[in-house]
């Protein structure tokens, strides 16, 4: 792992984007890394665009500002591709993970990604509907981001999903989210 990996999440209020960033941080923390997870809201309402951030490092993290040059950009809602510059500040070898049913090559063109940048897609909304019964794409996106970055093992991530959701939800919801993480991990594809 690089000394520090910075992740920027783009989503809309109510999709679990902030929760995804927090769970990823918890999983990395359990693995002995130093982490940060924090949101940046516009209007705090369901459906409003928002950003969340992660910093994951093998050393103490002393900076406390938004992630300006992300190594990984996770787009939880693909409608944001039309109104938000999700590629802003991304490093030359950035990884983009987009929740869409579209082919990764089509998304690569839409993003105008550099040849050195990698673009992945996963139909996280469909997976969430299949596994949870609601369009909450955060769990499959967590699985996809974990797979393409290798930042944390799948089993560690699943354990932190269990811990996080176990306090608030029924076993059926927890099991659905665990399956959604597994499917996101398995079904993400590169273009």
N, C-alpha and C. Protein backbone atom coordinates (compact mmCIF):
# COMPACT_ATOMS: atom_id res chain seq x y z
N UNK A 1 0.84 -1.18 0.00
CA UNK A 1 0.00 0.00 0.00
C UNK A 1 0.89 1.24 0.00
N UNK A 2 0.48 2.25 -0.73
CA UNK A 2 1.17 3.54 -0.69
C UNK A 2 1.10 4.07 0.74
N UNK A 3 1.99 4.99 1.07
CA UNK A 3 2.01 5.52 2.43
C UNK A 3 0.64 6.05 2.86
N UNK A 4 -0.04 6.75 1.94
CA UNK A 4 -1.39 7.21 2.24
C UNK A 4 -2.25 7.10 0.98
N UNK A 5 -3.45 6.58 1.16
CA UNK A 5 -4.43 6.52 0.07
C UNK A 5 -5.59 7.41 0.45
N UNK A 6 -5.98 8.29 -0.48
CA UNK A 6 -7.11 9.19 -0.25
C UNK A 6 -8.26 8.79 -1.18
N UNK A 7 -9.44 8.73 -0.60
CA UNK A 7 -10.64 8.33 -1.34
C UNK A 7 -11.68 9.43 -1.23
N UNK A 8 -12.30 9.74 -2.35
CA UNK A 8 -13.42 10.70 -2.35
C UNK A 8 -14.65 9.94 -2.84
N UNK A 9 -15.71 10.04 -2.07
CA UNK A 9 -17.00 9.41 -2.38
C UNK A 9 -17.97 10.48 -2.85
N UNK A 10 -18.67 10.24 -3.95
CA UNK A 10 -19.73 11.13 -4.43
C UNK A 10 -21.05 10.37 -4.35
N UNK A 11 -22.02 10.96 -3.69
CA UNK A 11 -23.33 10.32 -3.61
C UNK A 11 -24.40 11.35 -3.35
N UNK A 12 -25.55 10.87 -3.00
CA UNK A 12 -26.68 11.73 -2.65
C UNK A 12 -27.15 11.33 -1.26
N UNK A 13 -27.70 12.31 -0.54
CA UNK A 13 -28.21 12.05 0.79
C UNK A 13 -29.19 10.90 0.80
N UNK A 14 -29.03 9.96 1.71
CA UNK A 14 -29.94 8.84 1.82
C UNK A 14 -29.45 7.57 1.15
N UNK A 15 -28.29 7.61 0.48
CA UNK A 15 -27.78 6.42 -0.21
C UNK A 15 -26.76 5.64 0.62
N UNK A 16 -26.42 6.15 1.78
CA UNK A 16 -25.47 5.46 2.63
C UNK A 16 -24.01 5.75 2.31
N UNK A 17 -23.75 6.82 1.57
CA UNK A 17 -22.38 7.15 1.17
C UNK A 17 -21.50 7.44 2.37
N UNK A 18 -21.99 8.23 3.31
CA UNK A 18 -21.20 8.58 4.50
C UNK A 18 -20.97 7.32 5.35
N UNK A 19 -21.98 6.48 5.45
CA UNK A 19 -21.84 5.22 6.19
C UNK A 19 -20.78 4.34 5.55
N UNK A 20 -20.76 4.27 4.22
CA UNK A 20 -19.76 3.46 3.52
C UNK A 20 -18.35 3.94 3.86
N UNK A 21 -18.13 5.25 3.85
CA UNK A 21 -16.80 5.79 4.17
C UNK A 21 -16.42 5.44 5.61
N UNK A 22 -17.37 5.50 6.52
CA UNK A 22 -17.09 5.19 7.93
C UNK A 22 -16.77 3.70 8.12
N UNK A 23 -17.52 2.83 7.45
CA UNK A 23 -17.28 1.39 7.58
C UNK A 23 -15.92 1.03 6.99
N UNK A 24 -15.57 1.61 5.85
CA UNK A 24 -14.25 1.35 5.26
C UNK A 24 -13.15 1.78 6.23
N UNK A 25 -13.31 2.93 6.84
CA UNK A 25 -12.33 3.41 7.82
C UNK A 25 -12.23 2.45 9.00
N UNK A 26 -13.37 1.98 9.50
CA UNK A 26 -13.36 1.04 10.63
C UNK A 26 -12.63 -0.25 10.27
N UNK A 27 -12.87 -0.75 9.05
CA UNK A 27 -12.21 -1.98 8.62
C UNK A 27 -10.70 -1.79 8.52
N UNK A 28 -10.28 -0.65 8.00
CA UNK A 28 -8.84 -0.36 7.90
C UNK A 28 -8.23 -0.14 9.29
N UNK A 29 -8.98 0.50 10.17
CA UNK A 29 -8.52 0.71 11.55
C UNK A 29 -8.33 -0.63 12.25
N UNK A 30 -9.25 -1.54 12.04
CA UNK A 30 -9.13 -2.88 12.62
C UNK A 30 -7.88 -3.59 12.12
N UNK A 31 -7.44 -3.23 10.91
CA UNK A 31 -6.23 -3.80 10.33
C UNK A 31 -4.96 -3.08 10.76
N UNK A 32 -5.08 -2.14 11.70
CA UNK A 32 -3.90 -1.48 12.25
C UNK A 32 -3.46 -0.23 11.52
N UNK A 33 -4.28 0.28 10.63
CA UNK A 33 -3.91 1.50 9.91
C UNK A 33 -4.47 2.73 10.60
N UNK A 34 -3.92 3.87 10.26
CA UNK A 34 -4.45 5.16 10.70
C UNK A 34 -5.47 5.59 9.66
N UNK A 35 -6.61 6.14 10.12
CA UNK A 35 -7.70 6.44 9.18
C UNK A 35 -8.38 7.75 9.52
N UNK A 36 -9.04 8.28 8.50
CA UNK A 36 -10.00 9.37 8.67
C UNK A 36 -11.20 9.06 7.78
N UNK A 37 -12.36 9.43 8.24
CA UNK A 37 -13.58 9.35 7.44
C UNK A 37 -14.42 10.55 7.85
N UNK A 38 -14.80 11.36 6.86
CA UNK A 38 -15.59 12.53 7.19
C UNK A 38 -16.42 12.96 5.98
N UNK A 39 -17.61 13.53 6.24
CA UNK A 39 -18.48 13.97 5.16
C UNK A 39 -18.33 15.46 4.86
N UNK A 40 -18.83 15.84 3.71
CA UNK A 40 -18.98 17.25 3.35
C UNK A 40 -20.36 17.38 2.72
N UNK A 41 -21.22 18.07 3.42
CA UNK A 41 -22.61 18.21 2.98
C UNK A 41 -22.85 19.56 2.33
N UNK A 42 -23.77 19.56 1.37
CA UNK A 42 -24.39 20.79 0.93
C UNK A 42 -25.65 20.89 1.78
N UNK A 43 -26.80 21.10 1.14
CA UNK A 43 -28.04 21.09 1.91
C UNK A 43 -28.27 19.68 2.47
N UNK A 44 -28.54 19.60 3.76
CA UNK A 44 -28.72 18.29 4.39
C UNK A 44 -30.14 17.81 4.20
N UNK A 45 -30.34 17.16 3.05
CA UNK A 45 -31.66 16.59 2.75
C UNK A 45 -31.48 15.38 1.86
N UNK A 46 -32.44 14.51 1.88
CA UNK A 46 -32.38 13.32 1.04
C UNK A 46 -32.30 13.74 -0.43
N UNK A 47 -31.41 13.13 -1.15
CA UNK A 47 -31.26 13.41 -2.57
C UNK A 47 -30.26 14.50 -2.91
N UNK A 48 -29.82 15.27 -1.93
CA UNK A 48 -28.85 16.34 -2.20
C UNK A 48 -27.46 15.73 -2.42
N UNK A 49 -26.71 16.26 -3.38
CA UNK A 49 -25.34 15.75 -3.60
C UNK A 49 -24.48 15.97 -2.36
N UNK A 50 -23.62 15.01 -2.09
CA UNK A 50 -22.68 15.14 -0.97
C UNK A 50 -21.39 14.43 -1.33
N UNK A 51 -20.37 14.73 -0.55
CA UNK A 51 -19.09 14.05 -0.66
C UNK A 51 -18.72 13.50 0.70
N UNK A 52 -18.01 12.40 0.68
CA UNK A 52 -17.41 11.86 1.89
C UNK A 52 -15.97 11.51 1.53
N UNK A 53 -15.14 11.45 2.54
CA UNK A 53 -13.72 11.25 2.30
C UNK A 53 -13.14 10.20 3.24
N UNK A 54 -12.11 9.52 2.74
CA UNK A 54 -11.29 8.64 3.56
C UNK A 54 -9.83 8.98 3.33
N UNK A 55 -9.08 8.90 4.39
CA UNK A 55 -7.62 8.85 4.31
C UNK A 55 -7.21 7.60 5.06
N UNK A 56 -6.35 6.81 4.44
CA UNK A 56 -5.91 5.56 5.05
C UNK A 56 -4.39 5.54 4.91
N UNK A 57 -3.71 5.35 6.03
CA UNK A 57 -2.25 5.45 6.02
C UNK A 57 -1.63 4.47 7.01
N UNK A 58 -0.39 4.12 6.74
CA UNK A 58 0.36 3.30 7.67
C UNK A 58 0.98 4.16 8.78
N UNK A 59 0.91 5.47 8.60
CA UNK A 59 1.47 6.41 9.59
C UNK A 59 0.37 7.33 10.11
N UNK A 60 0.68 8.02 11.18
CA UNK A 60 -0.26 8.99 11.74
C UNK A 60 -0.62 10.04 10.68
N UNK A 61 -1.89 10.40 10.63
CA UNK A 61 -2.38 11.39 9.66
C UNK A 61 -2.53 12.72 10.39
N UNK A 62 -1.83 13.73 9.90
CA UNK A 62 -1.85 15.03 10.57
C UNK A 62 -2.67 16.08 9.83
N UNK A 63 -3.03 15.82 8.58
CA UNK A 63 -3.81 16.81 7.84
C UNK A 63 -5.29 16.61 8.09
N UNK A 64 -6.04 17.71 8.06
CA UNK A 64 -7.48 17.68 8.34
C UNK A 64 -8.21 18.60 7.38
N UNK A 65 -8.09 18.31 6.10
CA UNK A 65 -8.75 19.10 5.06
C UNK A 65 -9.43 18.14 4.10
N UNK A 66 -10.30 18.64 3.22
CA UNK A 66 -10.91 17.75 2.24
C UNK A 66 -9.85 17.08 1.37
N UNK A 67 -10.21 15.95 0.81
CA UNK A 67 -9.32 15.24 -0.11
C UNK A 67 -9.38 15.97 -1.44
N UNK A 68 -8.27 16.56 -1.84
CA UNK A 68 -8.21 17.35 -3.07
C UNK A 68 -7.65 16.58 -4.26
N UNK A 69 -6.82 15.57 -3.98
CA UNK A 69 -6.19 14.79 -5.05
C UNK A 69 -6.38 13.30 -4.77
N UNK A 70 -7.62 12.82 -4.96
CA UNK A 70 -7.92 11.44 -4.59
C UNK A 70 -7.21 10.40 -5.46
N UNK A 71 -6.86 9.30 -4.82
CA UNK A 71 -6.33 8.14 -5.52
C UNK A 71 -7.48 7.27 -6.01
N UNK A 72 -8.60 7.32 -5.28
CA UNK A 72 -9.79 6.54 -5.61
C UNK A 72 -10.99 7.47 -5.54
N UNK A 73 -11.86 7.38 -6.56
CA UNK A 73 -13.10 8.14 -6.57
C UNK A 73 -14.24 7.14 -6.73
N UNK A 74 -15.12 7.11 -5.74
CA UNK A 74 -16.27 6.21 -5.74
C UNK A 74 -17.52 7.03 -6.02
N UNK A 75 -18.19 6.76 -7.15
CA UNK A 75 -19.39 7.50 -7.52
C UNK A 75 -20.59 6.59 -7.26
N UNK A 76 -21.27 6.86 -6.14
CA UNK A 76 -22.37 6.02 -5.68
C UNK A 76 -23.64 6.28 -6.49
N UNK A 77 -23.76 7.45 -7.10
CA UNK A 77 -24.92 7.80 -7.91
C UNK A 77 -24.44 8.33 -9.26
N UNK A 78 -24.64 7.56 -10.31
CA UNK A 78 -24.11 7.92 -11.63
C UNK A 78 -24.78 9.16 -12.22
N UNK A 79 -25.93 9.60 -11.69
CA UNK A 79 -26.53 10.83 -12.22
C UNK A 79 -25.64 12.03 -11.92
N UNK A 80 -24.76 11.89 -10.94
CA UNK A 80 -23.83 12.98 -10.61
C UNK A 80 -22.80 13.20 -11.72
N UNK A 81 -22.60 12.22 -12.59
CA UNK A 81 -21.65 12.37 -13.69
C UNK A 81 -22.04 13.52 -14.62
N UNK A 82 -23.33 13.85 -14.66
CA UNK A 82 -23.81 14.90 -15.55
C UNK A 82 -23.75 16.29 -14.92
N UNK A 83 -23.59 16.38 -13.61
CA UNK A 83 -23.65 17.70 -12.98
C UNK A 83 -22.49 18.04 -12.06
N UNK A 84 -21.64 17.06 -11.77
CA UNK A 84 -20.53 17.27 -10.84
C UNK A 84 -19.25 16.80 -11.52
N UNK A 85 -18.19 17.57 -11.39
CA UNK A 85 -16.91 17.16 -11.96
C UNK A 85 -16.24 16.17 -11.00
N UNK A 86 -16.59 14.90 -11.15
CA UNK A 86 -16.09 13.88 -10.24
C UNK A 86 -14.61 13.58 -10.46
N UNK A 87 -14.06 14.00 -11.58
CA UNK A 87 -12.64 13.75 -11.85
C UNK A 87 -11.74 14.86 -11.32
N UNK A 88 -12.33 15.93 -10.80
CA UNK A 88 -11.56 17.09 -10.33
C UNK A 88 -10.45 16.67 -9.35
N UNK A 89 -9.23 17.04 -9.69
CA UNK A 89 -8.09 16.82 -8.82
C UNK A 89 -7.59 15.39 -8.74
N UNK A 90 -8.26 14.44 -9.40
CA UNK A 90 -7.85 13.04 -9.32
C UNK A 90 -6.41 12.88 -9.84
N UNK A 91 -5.64 12.05 -9.16
CA UNK A 91 -4.25 11.82 -9.56
C UNK A 91 -4.22 11.09 -10.90
N UNK A 92 -3.06 11.12 -11.54
CA UNK A 92 -2.91 10.55 -12.89
C UNK A 92 -3.20 9.06 -12.96
N UNK A 93 -3.00 8.34 -11.85
CA UNK A 93 -3.28 6.91 -11.86
C UNK A 93 -4.48 6.57 -10.96
N UNK A 94 -5.42 7.49 -10.89
CA UNK A 94 -6.61 7.31 -10.04
C UNK A 94 -7.45 6.13 -10.51
N UNK A 95 -8.21 5.61 -9.57
CA UNK A 95 -9.18 4.54 -9.83
C UNK A 95 -10.56 5.14 -9.63
N UNK A 96 -11.44 4.95 -10.62
CA UNK A 96 -12.83 5.38 -10.53
C UNK A 96 -13.72 4.15 -10.44
N UNK A 97 -14.63 4.14 -9.46
CA UNK A 97 -15.59 3.06 -9.30
C UNK A 97 -16.98 3.69 -9.38
N UNK A 98 -17.75 3.30 -10.39
CA UNK A 98 -19.03 3.95 -10.66
C UNK A 98 -20.17 2.95 -10.55
N UNK A 99 -21.22 3.34 -9.83
CA UNK A 99 -22.45 2.56 -9.71
C UNK A 99 -23.27 2.79 -10.97
N UNK A 100 -23.23 1.84 -11.89
CA UNK A 100 -24.00 1.94 -13.12
C UNK A 100 -24.10 0.56 -13.76
N UNK A 101 -25.13 0.40 -14.58
CA UNK A 101 -25.26 -0.84 -15.37
C UNK A 101 -24.51 -0.71 -16.69
N UNK A 102 -24.01 0.48 -16.98
CA UNK A 102 -23.32 0.72 -18.25
C UNK A 102 -21.95 0.06 -18.28
N UNK A 103 -21.47 -0.16 -19.49
CA UNK A 103 -20.16 -0.76 -19.71
C UNK A 103 -19.06 0.18 -19.22
N UNK A 104 -18.02 -0.35 -18.60
CA UNK A 104 -16.93 0.50 -18.11
C UNK A 104 -16.29 1.36 -19.22
N UNK A 105 -16.24 0.86 -20.43
CA UNK A 105 -15.64 1.63 -21.53
C UNK A 105 -16.46 2.88 -21.82
N UNK A 106 -17.78 2.75 -21.76
CA UNK A 106 -18.67 3.90 -21.97
C UNK A 106 -18.47 4.94 -20.87
N UNK A 107 -18.32 4.49 -19.64
CA UNK A 107 -18.10 5.40 -18.52
C UNK A 107 -16.72 6.05 -18.63
N UNK A 108 -15.73 5.29 -19.08
CA UNK A 108 -14.38 5.84 -19.28
C UNK A 108 -14.44 7.03 -20.24
N UNK A 109 -15.19 6.88 -21.33
CA UNK A 109 -15.33 7.97 -22.29
C UNK A 109 -16.05 9.16 -21.67
N UNK A 110 -17.12 8.89 -20.92
CA UNK A 110 -17.88 9.97 -20.29
C UNK A 110 -17.01 10.75 -19.30
N UNK A 111 -16.17 10.04 -18.56
CA UNK A 111 -15.29 10.68 -17.59
C UNK A 111 -14.11 11.39 -18.26
N UNK A 112 -13.86 11.03 -19.52
CA UNK A 112 -12.65 11.50 -20.21
C UNK A 112 -11.41 11.11 -19.39
N UNK A 113 -11.43 9.88 -18.92
CA UNK A 113 -10.34 9.37 -18.08
C UNK A 113 -9.05 9.29 -18.87
N UNK A 114 -7.97 9.57 -18.20
CA UNK A 114 -6.64 9.47 -18.80
C UNK A 114 -6.31 7.99 -19.01
N UNK A 115 -5.44 7.68 -19.97
CA UNK A 115 -5.07 6.28 -20.20
C UNK A 115 -4.48 5.60 -18.97
N UNK A 116 -3.88 6.38 -18.07
CA UNK A 116 -3.27 5.83 -16.86
C UNK A 116 -4.26 5.64 -15.72
N UNK A 117 -5.48 6.13 -15.90
CA UNK A 117 -6.51 5.99 -14.87
C UNK A 117 -7.35 4.75 -15.17
N UNK A 118 -7.79 4.08 -14.11
CA UNK A 118 -8.58 2.86 -14.26
C UNK A 118 -10.04 3.17 -13.93
N UNK A 119 -10.95 2.58 -14.72
CA UNK A 119 -12.38 2.81 -14.54
C UNK A 119 -13.07 1.46 -14.34
N UNK A 120 -13.85 1.38 -13.27
CA UNK A 120 -14.60 0.17 -12.93
C UNK A 120 -16.07 0.53 -12.79
N UNK A 121 -16.93 -0.42 -13.13
CA UNK A 121 -18.37 -0.23 -12.89
C UNK A 121 -18.93 -1.45 -12.16
N UNK A 122 -19.99 -1.18 -11.44
CA UNK A 122 -20.74 -2.23 -10.75
C UNK A 122 -22.18 -1.74 -10.65
N UNK A 123 -23.13 -2.60 -10.90
CA UNK A 123 -24.53 -2.21 -10.79
C UNK A 123 -24.98 -2.35 -9.33
N UNK A 124 -24.47 -1.45 -8.52
CA UNK A 124 -24.70 -1.52 -7.07
C UNK A 124 -26.18 -1.34 -6.70
N UNK A 125 -26.90 -0.54 -7.45
CA UNK A 125 -28.32 -0.34 -7.15
C UNK A 125 -29.10 -1.63 -7.37
N UNK A 126 -28.84 -2.32 -8.47
CA UNK A 126 -29.51 -3.61 -8.74
C UNK A 126 -29.15 -4.63 -7.67
N UNK A 127 -27.87 -4.69 -7.31
CA UNK A 127 -27.44 -5.62 -6.26
C UNK A 127 -28.17 -5.31 -4.96
N UNK A 128 -28.26 -4.04 -4.60
CA UNK A 128 -28.95 -3.64 -3.36
C UNK A 128 -30.42 -4.03 -3.40
N UNK A 129 -31.06 -3.80 -4.53
CA UNK A 129 -32.47 -4.18 -4.66
C UNK A 129 -32.64 -5.69 -4.51
N UNK A 130 -31.74 -6.46 -5.13
CA UNK A 130 -31.80 -7.93 -5.05
C UNK A 130 -31.58 -8.42 -3.62
N UNK A 131 -30.60 -7.83 -2.93
CA UNK A 131 -30.16 -8.35 -1.63
C UNK A 131 -30.88 -7.74 -0.43
N UNK A 132 -31.20 -6.46 -0.55
CA UNK A 132 -31.76 -5.73 0.60
C UNK A 132 -33.22 -5.36 0.38
N UNK A 133 -33.60 -5.25 -0.89
CA UNK A 133 -34.97 -4.87 -1.22
C UNK A 133 -35.16 -3.36 -1.30
N UNK A 134 -34.06 -2.61 -1.19
CA UNK A 134 -34.11 -1.15 -1.28
C UNK A 134 -32.90 -0.66 -2.08
N UNK A 135 -33.04 0.48 -2.72
CA UNK A 135 -31.98 1.05 -3.54
C UNK A 135 -30.96 1.79 -2.66
N UNK A 136 -30.26 1.03 -1.81
CA UNK A 136 -29.21 1.57 -0.96
C UNK A 136 -27.88 0.96 -1.42
N UNK A 137 -27.18 1.64 -2.34
CA UNK A 137 -26.03 1.02 -3.00
C UNK A 137 -24.73 1.05 -2.21
N UNK A 138 -24.75 1.50 -0.95
CA UNK A 138 -23.48 1.64 -0.22
C UNK A 138 -22.76 0.31 0.01
N UNK A 139 -23.47 -0.74 0.36
CA UNK A 139 -22.81 -2.02 0.65
C UNK A 139 -22.14 -2.61 -0.59
N UNK A 140 -22.82 -2.68 -1.74
CA UNK A 140 -22.12 -3.20 -2.92
C UNK A 140 -20.96 -2.30 -3.35
N UNK A 141 -21.09 -1.00 -3.16
CA UNK A 141 -19.98 -0.10 -3.51
C UNK A 141 -18.78 -0.35 -2.60
N UNK A 142 -19.03 -0.64 -1.33
CA UNK A 142 -17.94 -1.00 -0.42
C UNK A 142 -17.21 -2.24 -0.91
N UNK A 143 -17.97 -3.24 -1.32
CA UNK A 143 -17.36 -4.46 -1.85
C UNK A 143 -16.53 -4.18 -3.08
N UNK A 144 -17.05 -3.36 -3.99
CA UNK A 144 -16.34 -3.04 -5.23
C UNK A 144 -15.06 -2.26 -4.95
N UNK A 145 -15.14 -1.24 -4.09
CA UNK A 145 -13.96 -0.43 -3.77
C UNK A 145 -12.90 -1.31 -3.10
N UNK A 146 -13.32 -2.20 -2.23
CA UNK A 146 -12.39 -3.10 -1.56
C UNK A 146 -11.69 -3.99 -2.57
N UNK A 147 -12.43 -4.52 -3.51
CA UNK A 147 -11.84 -5.42 -4.51
C UNK A 147 -10.81 -4.71 -5.38
N UNK A 148 -11.16 -3.52 -5.89
CA UNK A 148 -10.26 -2.86 -6.85
C UNK A 148 -9.06 -2.21 -6.19
N UNK A 149 -9.15 -1.90 -4.91
CA UNK A 149 -8.02 -1.27 -4.22
C UNK A 149 -7.17 -2.26 -3.44
N UNK A 150 -7.78 -3.34 -2.96
CA UNK A 150 -7.08 -4.28 -2.10
C UNK A 150 -6.68 -3.67 -0.77
N UNK A 151 -7.34 -2.57 -0.42
CA UNK A 151 -6.95 -1.81 0.77
C UNK A 151 -7.24 -2.55 2.08
N UNK A 152 -8.20 -3.45 2.01
CA UNK A 152 -8.56 -4.26 3.18
C UNK A 152 -9.12 -5.57 2.63
N UNK A 153 -8.96 -6.63 3.39
CA UNK A 153 -9.48 -7.92 2.97
C UNK A 153 -11.00 -7.97 3.05
N UNK A 154 -11.59 -8.80 2.22
CA UNK A 154 -13.05 -8.92 2.19
C UNK A 154 -13.58 -9.37 3.55
N UNK A 155 -12.94 -10.34 4.18
CA UNK A 155 -13.43 -10.84 5.47
C UNK A 155 -13.39 -9.75 6.55
N UNK A 156 -12.34 -8.93 6.55
CA UNK A 156 -12.26 -7.82 7.51
C UNK A 156 -13.39 -6.83 7.27
N UNK A 157 -13.65 -6.53 6.01
CA UNK A 157 -14.73 -5.61 5.67
C UNK A 157 -16.08 -6.19 6.13
N UNK A 158 -16.31 -7.45 5.84
CA UNK A 158 -17.58 -8.08 6.23
C UNK A 158 -17.76 -8.04 7.75
N UNK A 159 -16.69 -8.26 8.49
CA UNK A 159 -16.78 -8.21 9.95
C UNK A 159 -17.18 -6.81 10.42
N UNK A 160 -16.62 -5.77 9.79
CA UNK A 160 -16.98 -4.41 10.20
C UNK A 160 -18.39 -4.03 9.76
N UNK A 161 -18.86 -4.57 8.65
CA UNK A 161 -20.26 -4.37 8.26
C UNK A 161 -21.15 -5.01 9.32
N UNK A 162 -20.82 -6.24 9.74
CA UNK A 162 -21.59 -6.92 10.79
C UNK A 162 -21.66 -6.07 12.06
N UNK A 163 -20.50 -5.57 12.47
CA UNK A 163 -20.44 -4.76 13.70
C UNK A 163 -21.27 -3.48 13.57
N UNK A 164 -21.09 -2.80 12.44
CA UNK A 164 -21.77 -1.52 12.25
C UNK A 164 -23.28 -1.68 12.16
N UNK A 165 -23.73 -2.64 11.37
CA UNK A 165 -25.16 -2.81 11.14
C UNK A 165 -25.83 -3.60 12.26
N UNK A 166 -25.05 -4.40 12.99
CA UNK A 166 -25.60 -5.25 14.04
C UNK A 166 -26.23 -4.49 15.17
N UNK A 167 -25.81 -3.25 15.36
CA UNK A 167 -26.34 -2.44 16.45
C UNK A 167 -27.71 -1.86 16.11
N UNK A 168 -28.01 -1.79 14.81
CA UNK A 168 -29.19 -1.02 14.40
C UNK A 168 -30.25 -1.84 13.67
N UNK A 169 -29.87 -2.97 13.06
CA UNK A 169 -30.77 -3.63 12.14
C UNK A 169 -31.02 -5.09 12.49
N UNK A 170 -32.08 -5.63 11.91
CA UNK A 170 -32.42 -7.04 12.11
C UNK A 170 -31.40 -7.92 11.38
N UNK A 171 -31.37 -9.19 11.75
CA UNK A 171 -30.43 -10.13 11.12
C UNK A 171 -30.68 -10.23 9.62
N UNK A 172 -31.95 -10.14 9.21
CA UNK A 172 -32.27 -10.21 7.77
C UNK A 172 -31.61 -9.06 7.01
N UNK A 173 -31.66 -7.86 7.56
CA UNK A 173 -31.04 -6.70 6.92
C UNK A 173 -29.51 -6.83 6.92
N UNK A 174 -28.96 -7.31 8.02
CA UNK A 174 -27.51 -7.52 8.11
C UNK A 174 -27.07 -8.53 7.05
N UNK A 175 -27.78 -9.66 6.98
CA UNK A 175 -27.42 -10.69 6.00
C UNK A 175 -27.54 -10.17 4.57
N UNK A 176 -28.55 -9.36 4.31
CA UNK A 176 -28.72 -8.77 2.97
C UNK A 176 -27.57 -7.85 2.62
N UNK A 177 -27.13 -7.06 3.59
CA UNK A 177 -26.00 -6.16 3.35
C UNK A 177 -24.70 -6.93 3.16
N UNK A 178 -24.50 -8.00 3.92
CA UNK A 178 -23.30 -8.82 3.75
C UNK A 178 -23.26 -9.44 2.35
N UNK A 179 -24.41 -9.93 1.91
CA UNK A 179 -24.49 -10.49 0.55
C UNK A 179 -24.25 -9.41 -0.50
N UNK A 180 -24.76 -8.22 -0.26
CA UNK A 180 -24.55 -7.11 -1.20
C UNK A 180 -23.07 -6.74 -1.30
N UNK A 181 -22.37 -6.75 -0.16
CA UNK A 181 -20.92 -6.48 -0.18
C UNK A 181 -20.22 -7.55 -1.01
N UNK A 182 -20.56 -8.82 -0.75
CA UNK A 182 -19.93 -9.92 -1.49
C UNK A 182 -20.18 -9.80 -3.00
N UNK A 183 -21.41 -9.49 -3.36
CA UNK A 183 -21.72 -9.37 -4.80
C UNK A 183 -21.04 -8.18 -5.42
N UNK A 184 -20.97 -7.05 -4.73
CA UNK A 184 -20.24 -5.90 -5.25
C UNK A 184 -18.79 -6.25 -5.49
N UNK A 185 -18.21 -6.99 -4.56
CA UNK A 185 -16.82 -7.44 -4.66
C UNK A 185 -16.65 -8.35 -5.89
N UNK A 186 -17.60 -9.25 -6.11
CA UNK A 186 -17.49 -10.22 -7.19
C UNK A 186 -17.86 -9.66 -8.56
N UNK A 187 -18.78 -8.71 -8.61
CA UNK A 187 -19.35 -8.28 -9.89
C UNK A 187 -18.74 -7.01 -10.48
N UNK A 188 -17.84 -6.35 -9.78
CA UNK A 188 -17.21 -5.13 -10.31
C UNK A 188 -16.38 -5.52 -11.53
N UNK A 189 -16.43 -4.64 -12.56
CA UNK A 189 -15.68 -4.94 -13.80
C UNK A 189 -14.95 -3.71 -14.29
N UNK A 190 -13.85 -3.96 -14.97
CA UNK A 190 -12.97 -2.89 -15.44
C UNK A 190 -13.13 -2.66 -16.93
N UNK A 191 -12.94 -1.41 -17.34
CA UNK A 191 -13.00 -1.07 -18.76
C UNK A 191 -11.90 -0.16 -19.19
